[in-house]
């Protein structure tokens, strides 16, 4: 009987964790989606900024140009 109770308890905890994760992602999407796009563009434009820095542009100027 104790094993069945333990299994049910684990299932309940997993269901609660899944539900909380779902609701956090659902209601936090207005933060997570722009953050994800920002990270994507930062990784995509990093080589361009480095190229400008190699051409002797100051760091701030190379960031503004990219």
PDB file of N, CA and C in Angstrom:
ATOM      1  N   UNK A   1       0.821  -1.195   0.000  1.00  0.00           N
ATOM      2  CA  UNK A   1       0.000   0.000   0.000  1.00  0.00           C
ATOM      3  C   UNK A   1       0.863   1.257   0.000  1.00  0.00           C
ATOM      4  N   UNK A   2       1.984   1.170   0.734  1.00  0.00           N
ATOM      5  CA  UNK A   2       2.853   2.345   0.817  1.00  0.00           C
ATOM      6  C   UNK A   2       3.497   2.648  -0.538  1.00  0.00           C
ATOM      7  N   UNK A   3       3.818   1.604  -1.306  1.00  0.00           N
ATOM      8  CA  UNK A   3       4.424   1.801  -2.616  1.00  0.00           C
ATOM      9  C   UNK A   3       3.433   2.488  -3.564  1.00  0.00           C
ATOM     10  N   UNK A   4       2.176   2.115  -3.486  1.00  0.00           N
ATOM     11  CA  UNK A   4       1.146   2.733  -4.323  1.00  0.00           C
ATOM     12  C   UNK A   4       0.970   4.207  -3.948  1.00  0.00           C
ATOM     13  N   UNK A   5       1.013   4.511  -2.662  1.00  0.00           N
ATOM     14  CA  UNK A   5       0.889   5.888  -2.193  1.00  0.00           C
ATOM     15  C   UNK A   5       2.077   6.725  -2.650  1.00  0.00           C
ATOM     16  N   UNK A   6       3.266   6.118  -2.593  1.00  0.00           N
ATOM     17  CA  UNK A   6       4.478   6.824  -3.025  1.00  0.00           C
ATOM     18  C   UNK A   6       4.419   7.130  -4.521  1.00  0.00           C
ATOM     19  N   UNK A   7       3.946   6.171  -5.304  1.00  0.00           N
ATOM     20  CA  UNK A   7       3.830   6.359  -6.746  1.00  0.00           C
ATOM     21  C   UNK A   7       2.819   7.457  -7.074  1.00  0.00           C
ATOM     22  N   UNK A   8       1.699   7.459  -6.369  1.00  0.00           N
ATOM     23  CA  UNK A   8       0.696   8.488  -6.587  1.00  0.00           C
ATOM     24  C   UNK A   8       1.220   9.869  -6.184  1.00  0.00           C
ATOM     25  N   UNK A   9       1.977   9.908  -5.097  1.00  0.00           N
ATOM     26  CA  UNK A   9       2.565  11.163  -4.641  1.00  0.00           C
ATOM     27  C   UNK A   9       3.563  11.703  -5.669  1.00  0.00           C
ATOM     28  N   UNK A  10       4.381  10.822  -6.230  1.00  0.00           N
ATOM     29  CA  UNK A  10       5.335  11.246  -7.259  1.00  0.00           C
ATOM     30  C   UNK A  10       4.599  11.778  -8.492  1.00  0.00           C
ATOM     31  N   UNK A  11       3.534  11.094  -8.873  1.00  0.00           N
ATOM     32  CA  UNK A  11       2.743  11.543 -10.022  1.00  0.00           C
ATOM     33  C   UNK A  11       2.140  12.920  -9.755  1.00  0.00           C
ATOM     34  N   UNK A  12       1.636  13.124  -8.551  1.00  0.00           N
ATOM     35  CA  UNK A  12       1.025  14.415  -8.203  1.00  0.00           C
ATOM     36  C   UNK A  12       2.070  15.528  -8.214  1.00  0.00           C
ATOM     37  N   UNK A  13       3.252  15.246  -7.671  1.00  0.00           N
ATOM     38  CA  UNK A  13       4.306  16.251  -7.675  1.00  0.00           C
ATOM     39  C   UNK A  13       4.745  16.581  -9.106  1.00  0.00           C
ATOM     40  N   UNK A  14       4.851  15.577  -9.943  1.00  0.00           N
ATOM     41  CA  UNK A  14       5.211  15.806 -11.338  1.00  0.00           C
ATOM     42  C   UNK A  14       4.167  16.620 -12.068  1.00  0.00           C
ATOM     43  N   UNK A  15       2.895  16.328 -11.798  1.00  0.00           N
ATOM     44  CA  UNK A  15       1.811  17.070 -12.433  1.00  0.00           C
ATOM     45  C   UNK A  15       1.789  18.525 -11.975  1.00  0.00           C
ATOM     46  N   UNK A  16       2.040  18.754 -10.704  1.00  0.00           N
ATOM     47  CA  UNK A  16       2.095  20.120 -10.181  1.00  0.00           C
ATOM     48  C   UNK A  16       3.272  20.871 -10.796  1.00  0.00           C
ATOM     49  N   UNK A  17       4.439  20.212 -10.877  1.00  0.00           N
ATOM     50  CA  UNK A  17       5.614  20.854 -11.462  1.00  0.00           C
ATOM     51  C   UNK A  17       5.381  21.184 -12.934  1.00  0.00           C
ATOM     52  N   UNK A  18       4.760  20.260 -13.661  1.00  0.00           N
ATOM     53  CA  UNK A  18       4.467  20.506 -15.074  1.00  0.00           C
ATOM     54  C   UNK A  18       3.499  21.675 -15.225  1.00  0.00           C
ATOM     55  N   UNK A  19       2.464  21.704 -14.392  1.00  0.00           N
ATOM     56  CA  UNK A  19       1.469  22.779 -14.474  1.00  0.00           C
ATOM     57  C   UNK A  19       2.089  24.132 -14.151  1.00  0.00           C
ATOM     58  N   UNK A  20       2.912  24.184 -13.110  1.00  0.00           N
ATOM     59  CA  UNK A  20       3.561  25.448 -12.761  1.00  0.00           C
ATOM     60  C   UNK A  20       4.499  25.916 -13.866  1.00  0.00           C
ATOM     61  N   UNK A  21       5.260  24.997 -14.437  1.00  0.00           N
ATOM     62  CA  UNK A  21       6.151  25.356 -15.532  1.00  0.00           C
ATOM     63  C   UNK A  21       5.363  25.886 -16.727  1.00  0.00           C
ATOM     64  N   UNK A  22       4.258  25.231 -17.051  1.00  0.00           N
ATOM     65  CA  UNK A  22       3.415  25.660 -18.164  1.00  0.00           C
ATOM     66  C   UNK A  22       2.883  27.072 -17.930  1.00  0.00           C
ATOM     67  N   UNK A  23       2.354  27.333 -16.735  1.00  0.00           N
ATOM     68  CA  UNK A  23       1.783  28.651 -16.463  1.00  0.00           C
ATOM     69  C   UNK A  23       2.850  29.736 -16.390  1.00  0.00           C
ATOM     70  N   UNK A  24       4.022  29.410 -15.885  1.00  0.00           N
ATOM     71  CA  UNK A  24       5.111  30.394 -15.858  1.00  0.00           C
ATOM     72  C   UNK A  24       5.529  30.750 -17.284  1.00  0.00           C
ATOM     73  N   UNK A  25       5.643  29.736 -18.136  1.00  0.00           N
ATOM     74  CA  UNK A  25       6.004  30.010 -19.530  1.00  0.00           C
ATOM     75  C   UNK A  25       4.888  30.738 -20.274  1.00  0.00           C
ATOM     76  N   UNK A  26       3.633  30.400 -19.972  1.00  0.00           N
ATOM     77  CA  UNK A  26       2.497  31.043 -20.640  1.00  0.00           C
ATOM     78  C   UNK A  26       2.403  32.521 -20.271  1.00  0.00           C
ATOM     79  N   UNK A  27       2.449  32.803 -18.972  1.00  0.00           N
ATOM     80  CA  UNK A  27       2.288  34.189 -18.538  1.00  0.00           C
ATOM     81  C   UNK A  27       3.591  34.991 -18.647  1.00  0.00           C
ATOM     82  N   UNK A  28       4.715  34.327 -18.730  1.00  0.00           N
ATOM     83  CA  UNK A  28       5.986  35.021 -18.872  1.00  0.00           C
ATOM     84  C   UNK A  28       6.434  35.161 -20.307  1.00  0.00           C
ATOM     85  N   UNK A  29       5.574  34.784 -21.244  1.00  0.00           N
ATOM     86  CA  UNK A  29       5.977  34.815 -22.648  1.00  0.00           C
ATOM     87  C   UNK A  29       6.278  36.232 -23.124  1.00  0.00           C
ATOM     88  N   UNK A  30       5.653  37.241 -22.507  1.00  0.00           N
ATOM     89  CA  UNK A  30       5.935  38.613 -22.921  1.00  0.00           C
ATOM     90  C   UNK A  30       7.360  39.025 -22.547  1.00  0.00           C
ATOM     91  N   UNK A  31       8.002  38.282 -21.663  1.00  0.00           N
ATOM     92  CA  UNK A  31       9.401  38.513 -21.322  1.00  0.00           C
ATOM     93  C   UNK A  31      10.307  37.554 -22.097  1.00  0.00           C
ATOM     94  N   UNK A  32       9.923  36.278 -22.144  1.00  0.00           N
ATOM     95  CA  UNK A  32      10.799  35.253 -22.713  1.00  0.00           C
ATOM     96  C   UNK A  32      10.962  35.365 -24.222  1.00  0.00           C
ATOM     97  N   UNK A  33       9.928  35.744 -24.936  1.00  0.00           N
ATOM     98  CA  UNK A  33      10.035  35.824 -26.402  1.00  0.00           C
ATOM     99  C   UNK A  33      10.975  36.951 -26.837  1.00  0.00           C
ATOM    100  N   UNK A  34      10.834  38.192 -26.337  1.00  0.00           N
ATOM    101  CA  UNK A  34      11.812  39.218 -26.733  1.00  0.00           C
ATOM    102  C   UNK A  34      13.236  38.916 -26.245  1.00  0.00           C
ATOM    103  N   UNK A  35      13.337  38.284 -25.081  1.00  0.00           N
ATOM    104  CA  UNK A  35      14.653  37.907 -24.573  1.00  0.00           C
ATOM    105  C   UNK A  35      15.321  36.896 -25.495  1.00  0.00           C
ATOM    106  N   UNK A  36      14.566  35.942 -25.970  1.00  0.00           N
ATOM    107  CA  UNK A  36      15.092  34.939 -26.894  1.00  0.00           C
ATOM    108  C   UNK A  36      15.529  35.582 -28.204  1.00  0.00           C
ATOM    109  N   UNK A  37      14.721  36.494 -28.738  1.00  0.00           N
ATOM    110  CA  UNK A  37      15.099  37.186 -29.968  1.00  0.00           C
ATOM    111  C   UNK A  37      16.345  38.039 -29.760  1.00  0.00           C
ATOM    112  N   UNK A  38      16.438  38.689 -28.616  1.00  0.00           N
ATOM    113  CA  UNK A  38      17.612  39.503 -28.325  1.00  0.00           C
ATOM    114  C   UNK A  38      18.883  38.673 -28.250  1.00  0.00           C
ATOM    115  N   UNK A  39      18.793  37.519 -27.629  1.00  0.00           N
ATOM    116  CA  UNK A  39      19.955  36.624 -27.557  1.00  0.00           C
ATOM    117  C   UNK A  39      20.337  36.147 -28.954  1.00  0.00           C
ATOM    118  N   UNK A  40      19.329  35.812 -29.756  1.00  0.00           N
ATOM    119  CA  UNK A  40      19.594  35.379 -31.129  1.00  0.00           C
ATOM    120  C   UNK A  40      20.328  36.457 -31.925  1.00  0.00           C
ATOM    121  N   UNK A  41      19.837  37.700 -31.873  1.00  0.00           N
ATOM    122  CA  UNK A  41      20.487  38.772 -32.622  1.00  0.00           C
ATOM    123  C   UNK A  41      21.876  39.099 -32.074  1.00  0.00           C
ATOM    124  N   UNK A  42      22.051  38.973 -30.770  1.00  0.00           N
ATOM    125  CA  UNK A  42      23.376  39.227 -30.192  1.00  0.00           C
ATOM    126  C   UNK A  42      24.390  38.216 -30.723  1.00  0.00           C
ATOM    127  N   UNK A  43      23.995  36.935 -30.767  1.00  0.00           N
ATOM    128  CA  UNK A  43      24.909  35.929 -31.305  1.00  0.00           C
ATOM    129  C   UNK A  43      25.132  36.125 -32.803  1.00  0.00           C
ATOM    130  N   UNK A  44      24.116  36.537 -33.517  1.00  0.00           N
ATOM    131  CA  UNK A  44      24.247  36.702 -34.966  1.00  0.00           C
ATOM    132  C   UNK A  44      25.124  37.898 -35.322  1.00  0.00           C
ATOM    133  N   UNK A  45      25.053  38.984 -34.544  1.00  0.00           N
ATOM    134  CA  UNK A  45      25.785  40.198 -34.896  1.00  0.00           C
ATOM    135  C   UNK A  45      27.164  40.294 -34.238  1.00  0.00           C
ATOM    136  N   UNK A  46      27.478  39.372 -33.349  1.00  0.00           N
ATOM    137  CA  UNK A  46      28.774  39.408 -32.665  1.00  0.00           C
ATOM    138  C   UNK A  46      29.961  39.330 -33.636  1.00  0.00           C
ATOM    139  N   UNK A  47      29.949  38.445 -34.636  1.00  0.00           N
ATOM    140  CA  UNK A  47      31.082  38.421 -35.576  1.00  0.00           C
ATOM    141  C   UNK A  47      31.241  39.720 -36.363  1.00  0.00           C
ATOM    142  N   UNK A  48      30.147  40.375 -36.689  1.00  0.00           N
ATOM    143  CA  UNK A  48      30.223  41.640 -37.432  1.00  0.00           C
ATOM    144  C   UNK A  48      30.877  42.706 -36.560  1.00  0.00           C
ATOM    145  N   UNK A  49      30.494  42.770 -35.300  1.00  0.00           N
ATOM    146  CA  UNK A  49      31.091  43.746 -34.388  1.00  0.00           C
ATOM    147  C   UNK A  49      32.580  43.467 -34.203  1.00  0.00           C
ATOM    148  N   UNK A  50      32.946  42.206 -34.107  1.00  0.00           N
ATOM    149  CA  UNK A  50      34.367  41.870 -33.991  1.00  0.00           C
ATOM    150  C   UNK A  50      35.136  42.262 -35.245  1.00  0.00           C
ATOM    151  N   UNK A  51      34.519  42.102 -36.404  1.00  0.00           N
ATOM    152  CA  UNK A  51      35.188  42.479 -37.643  1.00  0.00           C
ATOM    153  C   UNK A  51      35.462  43.976 -37.670  1.00  0.00           C
ATOM    154  N   UNK A  52      34.475  44.786 -37.237  1.00  0.00           N
ATOM    155  CA  UNK A  52      34.688  46.234 -37.172  1.00  0.00           C
ATOM    156  C   UNK A  52      35.796  46.585 -36.175  1.00  0.00           C
ATOM    157  N   UNK A  53      35.860  45.868 -35.071  1.00  0.00           N
ATOM    158  CA  UNK A  53      36.917  46.137 -34.091  1.00  0.00           C
ATOM    159  C   UNK A  53      38.289  45.779 -34.654  1.00  0.00           C
ATOM    160  N   UNK A  54      38.356  44.725 -35.470  1.00  0.00           N
ATOM    161  CA  UNK A  54      39.624  44.377 -36.106  1.00  0.00           C
ATOM    162  C   UNK A  54      40.057  45.433 -37.121  1.00  0.00           C
ATOM    163  N   UNK A  55      39.085  46.156 -37.685  1.00  0.00           N
ATOM    164  CA  UNK A  55      39.382  47.232 -38.631  1.00  0.00           C
ATOM    165  C   UNK A  55      39.665  48.550 -37.913  1.00  0.00           C
ATOM    166  N   UNK A  56      39.915  48.470 -36.628  1.00  0.00           N
ATOM    167  CA  UNK A  56      40.346  49.594 -35.777  1.00  0.00           C
ATOM    168  C   UNK A  56      39.235  50.589 -35.450  1.00  0.00           C
ATOM    169  N   UNK A  57      37.983  50.155 -35.495  1.00  0.00           N
ATOM    170  CA  UNK A  57      36.894  50.981 -34.998  1.00  0.00           C
ATOM    171  C   UNK A  57      36.837  50.828 -33.483  1.00  0.00           C
ATOM    172  N   UNK A  58      36.477  51.880 -32.768  1.00  0.00           N
ATOM    173  CA  UNK A  58      36.272  51.706 -31.315  1.00  0.00           C
ATOM    174  C   UNK A  58      35.075  50.783 -31.065  1.00  0.00           C
ATOM    175  N   UNK A  59      35.076  50.166 -29.891  1.00  0.00           N
ATOM    176  CA  UNK A  59      34.045  49.172 -29.560  1.00  0.00           C
ATOM    177  C   UNK A  59      32.641  49.770 -29.657  1.00  0.00           C
ATOM    178  N   UNK A  60      32.433  50.944 -29.092  1.00  0.00           N
ATOM    179  CA  UNK A  60      31.115  51.583 -29.127  1.00  0.00           C
ATOM    180  C   UNK A  60      30.652  51.871 -30.533  1.00  0.00           C
ATOM    181  N   UNK A  61      31.573  52.330 -31.369  1.00  0.00           N
ATOM    182  CA  UNK A  61      31.239  52.623 -32.753  1.00  0.00           C
ATOM    183  C   UNK A  61      30.907  51.360 -33.512  1.00  0.00           C
ATOM    184  N   UNK A  62      31.645  50.290 -33.272  1.00  0.00           N
ATOM    185  CA  UNK A  62      31.359  49.032 -33.973  1.00  0.00           C
ATOM    186  C   UNK A  62      30.019  48.450 -33.548  1.00  0.00           C
ATOM    187  N   UNK A  63      29.659  48.619 -32.295  1.00  0.00           N
ATOM    188  CA  UNK A  63      28.353  48.159 -31.823  1.00  0.00           C
ATOM    189  C   UNK A  63      27.242  48.975 -32.468  1.00  0.00           C
ATOM    190  N   UNK A  64      27.418  50.288 -32.544  1.00  0.00           N
ATOM    191  CA  UNK A  64      26.399  51.128 -33.171  1.00  0.00           C
ATOM    192  C   UNK A  64      26.249  50.840 -34.663  1.00  0.00           C
ATOM    193  N   UNK A  65      27.344  50.550 -35.328  1.00  0.00           N
ATOM    194  CA  UNK A  65      27.273  50.273 -36.761  1.00  0.00           C
ATOM    195  C   UNK A  65      26.588  48.936 -37.056  1.00  0.00           C
ATOM    196  N   UNK A  66      26.800  47.963 -36.173  1.00  0.00           N
ATOM    197  CA  UNK A  66      26.149  46.672 -36.422  1.00  0.00           C
ATOM    198  C   UNK A  66      24.701  46.745 -36.028  1.00  0.00           C
TER     199      UNK A  66
END
